PDB file of N, CA and C in Angstrom:
ATOM      1  N   MET A   1     -11.514  -2.252  13.356  1.00  0.00           N
ATOM      2  CA  MET A   1     -10.215  -2.953  12.820  1.00  0.00           C
ATOM      3  C   MET A   1      -9.222  -1.980  12.570  1.00  0.00           C
ATOM      4  N   LYS A   2      -7.999  -2.151  12.790  1.00  0.00           N
ATOM      5  CA  LYS A   2      -6.889  -1.390  12.508  1.00  0.00           C
ATOM      6  C   LYS A   2      -5.875  -1.938  11.485  1.00  0.00           C
ATOM      7  N   GLU A   3      -4.988  -1.086  11.238  1.00  0.00           N
ATOM      8  CA  GLU A   3      -3.996  -1.520  10.227  1.00  0.00           C
ATOM      9  C   GLU A   3      -3.215  -2.851  10.744  1.00  0.00           C
ATOM     10  N   LYS A   4      -3.040  -3.760   9.839  1.00  0.00           N
ATOM     11  CA  LYS A   4      -2.298  -5.066  10.183  1.00  0.00           C
ATOM     12  C   LYS A   4      -0.943  -5.069   9.342  1.00  0.00           C
ATOM     13  N   PHE A   5       0.026  -5.562  10.007  1.00  0.00           N
ATOM     14  CA  PHE A   5       1.302  -5.670   9.184  1.00  0.00           C
ATOM     15  C   PHE A   5       1.620  -7.108   8.951  1.00  0.00           C
ATOM     16  N   PHE A   6       1.971  -7.465   7.766  1.00  0.00           N
ATOM     17  CA  PHE A   6       2.194  -8.908   7.339  1.00  0.00           C
ATOM     18  C   PHE A   6       3.724  -9.066   7.032  1.00  0.00           C
ATOM     19  N   GLY A   7       4.360  -8.260   7.504  1.00  0.00           N
ATOM     20  CA  GLY A   7       5.968  -8.164   7.319  1.00  0.00           C
ATOM     21  C   GLY A   7       6.343  -6.631   7.249  1.00  0.00           C
ATOM     22  N   ARG A   8       7.454  -6.366   6.691  1.00  0.00           N
ATOM     23  CA  ARG A   8       7.915  -5.177   6.707  1.00  0.00           C
ATOM     24  C   ARG A   8       7.196  -4.204   5.663  1.00  0.00           C
ATOM     25  N   TYR A   9       6.846  -4.837   4.504  1.00  0.00           N
ATOM     26  CA  TYR A   9       6.255  -4.061   3.378  1.00  0.00           C
ATOM     27  C   TYR A   9       4.764  -4.191   3.217  1.00  0.00           C
ATOM     28  N   ILE A  10       4.129  -5.287   3.567  1.00  0.00           N
ATOM     29  CA  ILE A  10       2.786  -5.492   3.340  1.00  0.00           C
ATOM     30  C   ILE A  10       1.873  -5.246   4.591  1.00  0.00           C
ATOM     31  N   VAL A  11       0.771  -4.460   4.322  1.00  0.00           N
ATOM     32  CA  VAL A  11      -0.094  -4.087   5.182  1.00  0.00           C
ATOM     33  C   VAL A  11      -1.678  -4.193   4.711  1.00  0.00           C
ATOM     34  N   THR A  12      -2.600  -4.309   5.631  1.00  0.00           N
ATOM     35  CA  THR A  12      -3.941  -4.107   5.298  1.00  0.00           C
ATOM     36  C   THR A  12      -4.381  -3.104   6.239  1.00  0.00           C
ATOM     37  N   ASP A  13      -5.365  -2.260   5.725  1.00  0.00           N
ATOM     38  CA  ASP A  13      -6.010  -1.082   6.445  1.00  0.00           C
ATOM     39  C   ASP A  13      -7.387  -0.993   5.837  1.00  0.00           C
ATOM     40  N   PRO A  14      -8.382  -1.089   6.860  1.00  0.00           N
ATOM     41  CA  PRO A  14      -9.762  -0.993   6.263  1.00  0.00           C
ATOM     42  C   PRO A  14     -10.139   0.288   5.545  1.00  0.00           C
ATOM     43  N   ASP A  15      -9.179   1.353   5.934  1.00  0.00           N
ATOM     44  CA  ASP A  15      -9.519   2.717   5.192  1.00  0.00           C
ATOM     45  C   ASP A  15      -8.669   2.859   4.018  1.00  0.00           C
ATOM     46  N   ILE A  16      -8.061   1.782   3.597  1.00  0.00           N
ATOM     47  CA  ILE A  16      -7.321   1.735   2.129  1.00  0.00           C
ATOM     48  C   ILE A  16      -7.583   0.698   1.278  1.00  0.00           C
ATOM     49  N   CYS A  17      -8.045   0.897   0.114  1.00  0.00           N
ATOM     50  CA  CYS A  17      -8.307  -0.208  -0.689  1.00  0.00           C
ATOM     51  C   CYS A  17      -9.199  -1.265  -0.222  1.00  0.00           C
ATOM     52  N   HIS A  18     -10.192  -0.841   0.602  1.00  0.00           N
ATOM     53  CA  HIS A  18     -11.202  -1.814   1.276  1.00  0.00           C
ATOM     54  C   HIS A  18     -10.539  -2.823   1.972  1.00  0.00           C
ATOM     55  N   GLY A  19      -9.360  -2.587   2.564  1.00  0.00           N
ATOM     56  CA  GLY A  19      -8.794  -3.541   3.547  1.00  0.00           C
ATOM     57  C   GLY A  19      -8.035  -4.588   2.679  1.00  0.00           C
ATOM     58  N   LYS A  20      -7.885  -4.472   1.483  1.00  0.00           N
ATOM     59  CA  LYS A  20      -7.045  -5.537   0.803  1.00  0.00           C
ATOM     60  C   LYS A  20      -5.619  -5.267   0.907  1.00  0.00           C
ATOM     61  N   PRO A  21      -4.712  -6.294   0.895  1.00  0.00           N
ATOM     62  CA  PRO A  21      -3.318  -6.193   1.087  1.00  0.00           C
ATOM     63  C   PRO A  21      -2.754  -5.090   0.100  1.00  0.00           C
ATOM     64  N   THR A  22      -1.927  -4.151   0.679  1.00  0.00           N
ATOM     65  CA  THR A  22      -1.240  -3.205  -0.210  1.00  0.00           C
ATOM     66  C   THR A  22       0.237  -3.150   0.419  1.00  0.00           C
ATOM     67  N   PHE A  23       1.085  -2.526  -0.578  1.00  0.00           N
ATOM     68  CA  PHE A  23       2.389  -2.194  -0.088  1.00  0.00           C
ATOM     69  C   PHE A  23       2.378  -1.020   0.915  1.00  0.00           C
ATOM     70  N   ARG A  24       3.132  -1.096   2.045  1.00  0.00           N
ATOM     71  CA  ARG A  24       3.066  -0.015   3.048  1.00  0.00           C
ATOM     72  C   ARG A  24       3.336   1.327   2.342  1.00  0.00           C
ATOM     73  N   GLY A  25       2.437   2.299   2.693  1.00  0.00           N
ATOM     74  CA  GLY A  25       2.577   3.733   2.277  1.00  0.00           C
ATOM     75  C   GLY A  25       2.104   3.859   0.799  1.00  0.00           C
ATOM     76  N   THR A  26       1.470   2.954   0.336  1.00  0.00           N
ATOM     77  CA  THR A  26       1.054   3.081  -1.152  1.00  0.00           C
ATOM     78  C   THR A  26      -0.457   2.555  -1.248  1.00  0.00           C
ATOM     79  N   ARG A  27      -1.027   2.735  -2.287  1.00  0.00           N
ATOM     80  CA  ARG A  27      -2.275   2.010  -2.623  1.00  0.00           C
ATOM     81  C   ARG A  27      -2.103   0.993  -3.645  1.00  0.00           C
ATOM     82  N   ILE A  28      -0.957   0.407  -3.808  1.00  0.00           N
ATOM     83  CA  ILE A  28      -0.665  -0.505  -4.778  1.00  0.00           C
ATOM     84  C   ILE A  28      -0.991  -1.875  -4.127  1.00  0.00           C
ATOM     85  N   LEU A  29      -1.918  -2.545  -4.871  1.00  0.00           N
ATOM     86  CA  LEU A  29      -2.470  -3.845  -4.391  1.00  0.00           C
ATOM     87  C   LEU A  29      -1.406  -4.982  -4.530  1.00  0.00           C
ATOM     88  N   VAL A  30      -1.216  -5.673  -3.493  1.00  0.00           N
ATOM     89  CA  VAL A  30      -0.181  -6.854  -3.636  1.00  0.00           C
ATOM     90  C   VAL A  30      -0.591  -7.779  -4.677  1.00  0.00           C
ATOM     91  N   ALA A  31      -1.885  -7.965  -4.942  1.00  0.00           N
ATOM     92  CA  ALA A  31      -2.376  -8.925  -5.941  1.00  0.00           C
ATOM     93  C   ALA A  31      -2.070  -8.464  -7.362  1.00  0.00           C
ATOM     94  N   ASP A  32      -2.052  -7.130  -7.519  1.00  0.00           N
ATOM     95  CA  ASP A  32      -1.549  -6.567  -8.845  1.00  0.00           C
ATOM     96  C   ASP A  32      -0.199  -6.805  -9.143  1.00  0.00           C
ATOM     97  N   VAL A  33       0.713  -6.664  -8.135  1.00  0.00           N
ATOM     98  CA  VAL A  33       2.116  -6.878  -8.357  1.00  0.00           C
ATOM     99  C   VAL A  33       2.355  -8.425  -8.559  1.00  0.00           C
ATOM    100  N   LEU A  34       1.615  -9.294  -7.815  1.00  0.00           N
ATOM    101  CA  LEU A  34       1.848 -10.795  -7.935  1.00  0.00           C
ATOM    102  C   LEU A  34       1.331 -11.165  -9.249  1.00  0.00           C
ATOM    103  N   GLU A  35       0.275 -10.656  -9.752  1.00  0.00           N
ATOM    104  CA  GLU A  35      -0.122 -10.906 -11.129  1.00  0.00           C
ATOM    105  C   GLU A  35       0.929 -10.561 -12.178  1.00  0.00           C
ATOM    106  N   GLN A  36       1.653  -9.343 -11.943  1.00  0.00           N
ATOM    107  CA  GLN A  36       2.735  -9.005 -12.819  1.00  0.00           C
ATOM    108  C   GLN A  36       3.824  -9.960 -12.812  1.00  0.00           C
ATOM    109  N   VAL A  37       4.185 -10.413 -11.614  1.00  0.00           N
ATOM    110  CA  VAL A  37       5.183 -11.539 -11.423  1.00  0.00           C
ATOM    111  C   VAL A  37       4.782 -12.810 -12.167  1.00  0.00           C
ATOM    112  N   ALA A  38       3.588 -13.200 -11.990  1.00  0.00           N
ATOM    113  CA  ALA A  38       3.092 -14.321 -12.607  1.00  0.00           C
ATOM    114  C   ALA A  38       3.122 -14.203 -14.149  1.00  0.00           C
ATOM    115  N   ASP A  39       2.976 -13.064 -14.686  1.00  0.00           N
ATOM    116  CA  ASP A  39       2.938 -12.914 -16.066  1.00  0.00           C
ATOM    117  C   ASP A  39       4.366 -12.844 -16.549  1.00  0.00           C
ATOM    118  N   GLY A  40       5.337 -12.910 -15.818  1.00  0.00           N
ATOM    119  CA  GLY A  40       6.838 -13.023 -16.155  1.00  0.00           C
ATOM    120  C   GLY A  40       7.452 -11.646 -16.353  1.00  0.00           C
ATOM    121  N   LEU A  41       6.946 -10.702 -15.959  1.00  0.00           N
ATOM    122  CA  LEU A  41       7.572  -9.343 -15.864  1.00  0.00           C
ATOM    123  C   LEU A  41       8.859  -9.444 -15.049  1.00  0.00           C
ATOM    124  N   ALA A  42       9.866  -8.804 -15.483  1.00  0.00           N
ATOM    125  CA  ALA A  42      11.044  -8.634 -14.646  1.00  0.00           C
ATOM    126  C   ALA A  42      10.736  -7.750 -13.508  1.00  0.00           C
ATOM    127  N   TRP A  43      11.251  -8.067 -12.373  1.00  0.00           N
ATOM    128  CA  TRP A  43      10.986  -7.350 -11.097  1.00  0.00           C
ATOM    129  C   TRP A  43      11.389  -5.829 -11.352  1.00  0.00           C
ATOM    130  N   GLU A  44      12.571  -5.601 -12.075  1.00  0.00           N
ATOM    131  CA  GLU A  44      12.873  -4.201 -12.312  1.00  0.00           C
ATOM    132  C   GLU A  44      11.879  -3.484 -13.172  1.00  0.00           C
ATOM    133  N   THR A  45      11.232  -4.182 -14.085  1.00  0.00           N
ATOM    134  CA  THR A  45      10.144  -3.496 -14.841  1.00  0.00           C
ATOM    135  C   THR A  45       9.037  -3.330 -13.965  1.00  0.00           C
ATOM    136  N   ILE A  46       8.616  -4.048 -13.200  1.00  0.00           N
ATOM    137  CA  ILE A  46       7.574  -3.961 -12.194  1.00  0.00           C
ATOM    138  C   ILE A  46       7.856  -2.642 -11.292  1.00  0.00           C
ATOM    139  N   ILE A  47       8.968  -2.532 -10.904  1.00  0.00           N
ATOM    140  CA  ILE A  47       9.459  -1.445  -9.964  1.00  0.00           C
ATOM    141  C   ILE A  47       9.290   0.003 -10.839  1.00  0.00           C
ATOM    142  N   GLU A  48       9.759  -0.184 -11.946  1.00  0.00           N
ATOM    143  CA  GLU A  48       9.795   0.993 -12.852  1.00  0.00           C
ATOM    144  C   GLU A  48       8.288   1.360 -13.223  1.00  0.00           C
ATOM    145  N   GLU A  49       7.381   0.363 -13.440  1.00  0.00           N
ATOM    146  CA  GLU A  49       6.065   0.684 -13.753  1.00  0.00           C
ATOM    147  C   GLU A  49       5.270   1.350 -12.550  1.00  0.00           C
ATOM    148  N   TRP A  50       5.705   1.002 -11.407  1.00  0.00           N
ATOM    149  CA  TRP A  50       5.098   1.693 -10.151  1.00  0.00           C
ATOM    150  C   TRP A  50       5.954   2.770  -9.713  1.00  0.00           C
ATOM    151  N   ARG A  51       6.750   3.382 -10.613  1.00  0.00           N
ATOM    152  CA  ARG A  51       7.589   4.586 -10.434  1.00  0.00           C
ATOM    153  C   ARG A  51       8.445   4.479  -9.192  1.00  0.00           C
ATOM    154  N   GLY A  52       8.891   3.360  -8.827  1.00  0.00           N
ATOM    155  CA  GLY A  52       9.854   3.222  -7.653  1.00  0.00           C
ATOM    156  C   GLY A  52       8.928   3.101  -6.352  1.00  0.00           C
ATOM    157  N   SER A  53       7.768   3.145  -6.342  1.00  0.00           N
ATOM    158  CA  SER A  53       6.916   3.149  -5.089  1.00  0.00           C
ATOM    159  C   SER A  53       7.163   1.817  -4.340  1.00  0.00           C
ATOM    160  N   ILE A  54       7.541   0.848  -5.001  1.00  0.00           N
ATOM    161  CA  ILE A  54       7.817  -0.478  -4.284  1.00  0.00           C
ATOM    162  C   ILE A  54       9.247  -0.820  -4.651  1.00  0.00           C
ATOM    163  N   SER A  55       9.737  -1.716  -3.794  1.00  0.00           N
ATOM    164  CA  SER A  55      11.123  -2.056  -3.993  1.00  0.00           C
ATOM    165  C   SER A  55      11.288  -3.631  -4.341  1.00  0.00           C
ATOM    166  N   TYR A  56      12.503  -4.077  -4.756  1.00  0.00           N
ATOM    167  CA  TYR A  56      12.762  -5.329  -4.923  1.00  0.00           C
ATOM    168  C   TYR A  56      12.338  -6.300  -3.722  1.00  0.00           C
ATOM    169  N   GLU A  57      12.735  -5.702  -2.471  1.00  0.00           N
ATOM    170  CA  GLU A  57      12.584  -6.373  -1.184  1.00  0.00           C
ATOM    171  C   GLU A  57      10.986  -6.521  -0.873  1.00  0.00           C
ATOM    172  N   ALA A  58      10.321  -5.441  -1.272  1.00  0.00           N
ATOM    173  CA  ALA A  58       8.775  -5.600  -0.989  1.00  0.00           C
ATOM    174  C   ALA A  58       8.130  -6.752  -2.001  1.00  0.00           C
ATOM    175  N   ILE A  59       8.672  -6.732  -3.324  1.00  0.00           N
ATOM    176  CA  ILE A  59       8.052  -7.907  -4.120  1.00  0.00           C
ATOM    177  C   ILE A  59       8.593  -9.260  -3.567  1.00  0.00           C
ATOM    178  N   ALA A  60       9.830  -9.238  -3.083  1.00  0.00           N
ATOM    179  CA  ALA A  60      10.210 -10.641  -2.460  1.00  0.00           C
ATOM    180  C   ALA A  60       9.466 -11.068  -1.406  1.00  0.00           C
ATOM    181  N   GLU A  61       9.103 -10.024  -0.483  1.00  0.00           N
ATOM    182  CA  GLU A  61       8.219 -10.322   0.611  1.00  0.00           C
ATOM    183  C   GLU A  61       6.864 -10.865   0.199  1.00  0.00           C
ATOM    184  N   ALA A  62       6.195 -10.265  -0.857  1.00  0.00           N
ATOM    185  CA  ALA A  62       4.930 -10.652  -1.250  1.00  0.00           C
ATOM    186  C   ALA A  62       5.149 -12.073  -1.931  1.00  0.00           C
ATOM    187  N   VAL A  63       6.078 -12.333  -2.644  1.00  0.00           N
ATOM    188  CA  VAL A  63       6.330 -13.802  -3.124  1.00  0.00           C
ATOM    189  C   VAL A  63       6.427 -14.727  -2.036  1.00  0.00           C
ATOM    190  N   ARG A  64       7.263 -14.471  -1.082  1.00  0.00           N
ATOM    191  CA  ARG A  64       7.446 -15.459   0.163  1.00  0.00           C
ATOM    192  C   ARG A  64       6.250 -15.490   0.776  1.00  0.00           C
ATOM    193  N   LEU A  65       5.392 -14.597   1.149  1.00  0.00           N
ATOM    194  CA  LEU A  65       4.122 -14.754   1.872  1.00  0.00           C
ATOM    195  C   LEU A  65       3.111 -15.404   1.019  1.00  0.00           C
ATOM    196  N   SER A  66       3.155 -15.295  -0.352  1.00  0.00           N
ATOM    197  CA  SER A  66       2.252 -16.068  -1.266  1.00  0.00           C
ATOM    198  C   SER A  66       2.617 -17.513  -1.327  1.00  0.00           C
ATOM    199  N   ARG A  67       3.897 -17.705  -1.346  1.00  0.00           N
ATOM    200  CA  ARG A  67       4.388 -19.147  -1.153  1.00  0.00           C
ATOM    201  C   ARG A  67       3.908 -19.930   0.150  1.00  0.00           C
ATOM    202  N   ARG A  68       4.089 -19.231   1.249  1.00  0.00           N
ATOM    203  CA  ARG A  68       3.752 -19.721   2.457  1.00  0.00           C
ATOM    204  C   ARG A  68       2.116 -19.964   2.456  1.00  0.00           C
ATOM    205  N   ALA A  69       1.304 -18.989   2.065  1.00  0.00           N
ATOM    206  CA  ALA A  69      -0.094 -19.250   1.992  1.00  0.00           C
ATOM    207  C   ALA A  69      -0.424 -20.360   1.050  1.00  0.00           C
ATOM    208  N   PHE A  70       0.194 -20.408  -0.113  1.00  0.00           N
ATOM    209  CA  PHE A  70      -0.040 -21.551  -0.930  1.00  0.00           C
ATOM    210  C   PHE A  70       0.254 -22.875  -0.266  1.00  0.00           C
ATOM    211  N   LEU A  71       1.285 -22.977   0.306  1.00  0.00           N
ATOM    212  CA  LEU A  71       1.787 -24.304   0.935  1.00  0.00           C
ATOM    213  C   LEU A  71       0.782 -24.676   2.063  1.00  0.00           C
ATOM    214  N   GLU A  72       0.444 -23.689   2.848  1.00  0.00           N
ATOM    215  CA  GLU A  72      -0.604 -23.931   3.910  1.00  0.00           C
ATOM    216  C   GLU A  72      -1.857 -24.331   3.502  1.00  0.00           C
ATOM    217  N   ASN A  73      -2.240 -23.894   2.267  1.00  0.00           N
ATOM    218  CA  ASN A  73      -3.653 -24.315   1.693  1.00  0.00           C
ATOM    219  C   ASN A  73      -3.714 -25.061   0.491  1.00  0.00           C
ATOM    220  N   ALA A  74      -2.521 -25.696   0.110  1.00  0.00           N
ATOM    221  CA  ALA A  74      -2.396 -26.539  -1.099  1.00  0.00           C
ATOM    222  C   ALA A  74      -3.430 -27.411  -1.333  1.00  0.00           C
ATOM    223  N   ASP A  75      -4.052 -28.051  -0.306  1.00  0.00           N
ATOM    224  CA  ASP A  75      -5.150 -29.133  -0.565  1.00  0.00           C
ATOM    225  C   ASP A  75      -6.329 -28.497  -0.982  1.00  0.00           C
ATOM    226  N   GLN A  76      -6.615 -27.214  -0.775  1.00  0.00           N
ATOM    227  CA  GLN A  76      -7.800 -26.521  -1.348  1.00  0.00           C
ATOM    228  C   GLN A  76      -7.652 -26.225  -2.869  1.00  0.00           C
ATOM    229  N   TYR A  77      -6.307 -26.256  -3.377  1.00  0.00           N
ATOM    230  CA  TYR A  77      -6.119 -25.925  -4.816  1.00  0.00           C
ATOM    231  C   TYR A  77      -6.015 -27.243  -5.731  1.00  0.00           C
ATOM    232  N   ALA A  78      -5.824 -28.369  -5.020  1.00  0.00           N
ATOM    233  CA  ALA A  78      -5.565 -29.579  -5.644  1.00  0.00           C
ATOM    234  C   ALA A  78      -6.824 -30.020  -6.551  1.00  0.00           C
ATOM    235  N   LEU A  79      -6.524 -30.397  -7.731  1.00  0.00           N
ATOM    236  CA  LEU A  79      -7.605 -30.860  -8.546  1.00  0.00           C
ATOM    237  C   LEU A  79      -7.644 -32.422  -8.397  1.00  0.00           C
ATOM    238  N   GLU A  80      -8.914 -32.891  -8.363  1.00  0.00           N
ATOM    239  CA  GLU A  80      -9.020 -34.454  -8.354  1.00  0.00           C
ATOM    240  C   GLU A  80      -9.025 -34.823  -9.770  1.00  0.00           C
ATOM    241  N   LEU A  81      -8.177 -35.770 -10.039  1.00  0.00           N
ATOM    242  CA  LEU A  81      -8.046 -36.297 -11.388  1.00  0.00           C
ATOM    243  C   LEU A  81      -8.580 -37.824 -11.327  1.00  0.00           C
ATOM    244  N   SER A  82      -9.620 -37.870 -12.346  1.00  0.00           N
ATOM    245  CA  SER A  82     -10.266 -39.316 -12.373  1.00  0.00           C
ATOM    246  C   SER A  82      -9.281 -40.145 -13.254  1.00  0.00           C
ATOM    247  N   VAL A  83      -9.274 -41.344 -12.837  1.00  0.00           N
ATOM    248  CA  VAL A  83      -8.468 -42.350 -13.602  1.00  0.00           C
ATOM    249  C   VAL A  83      -9.429 -43.147 -14.327  1.00  0.00           C
ATOM    250  N   ALA A  84      -8.956 -43.024 -15.652  1.00  0.00           N
ATOM    251  CA  ALA A  84      -9.836 -43.812 -16.788  1.00  0.00           C
ATOM    252  C   ALA A  84      -9.482 -45.255 -16.847  1.00  0.00           C
TER     253      ALA A  84
END
């Protein structure tokens, strides 16, 4: 398996971070940054915490790809509510 590109900024490579999605040219896991976004950190703060290794555009790409993945798989996340 070789490196796969999921856009301009997100890649997977079996030789980097066990093939989990990272930002291109880094070992920064996309999941870690998305968790920071979900925790409400300002994107500028996230960029600073990663010492400028990722950009606003890279974070935006991760959010867009996550949105698409969620919408395509929303039924798997739906909770069945019982009506009393």
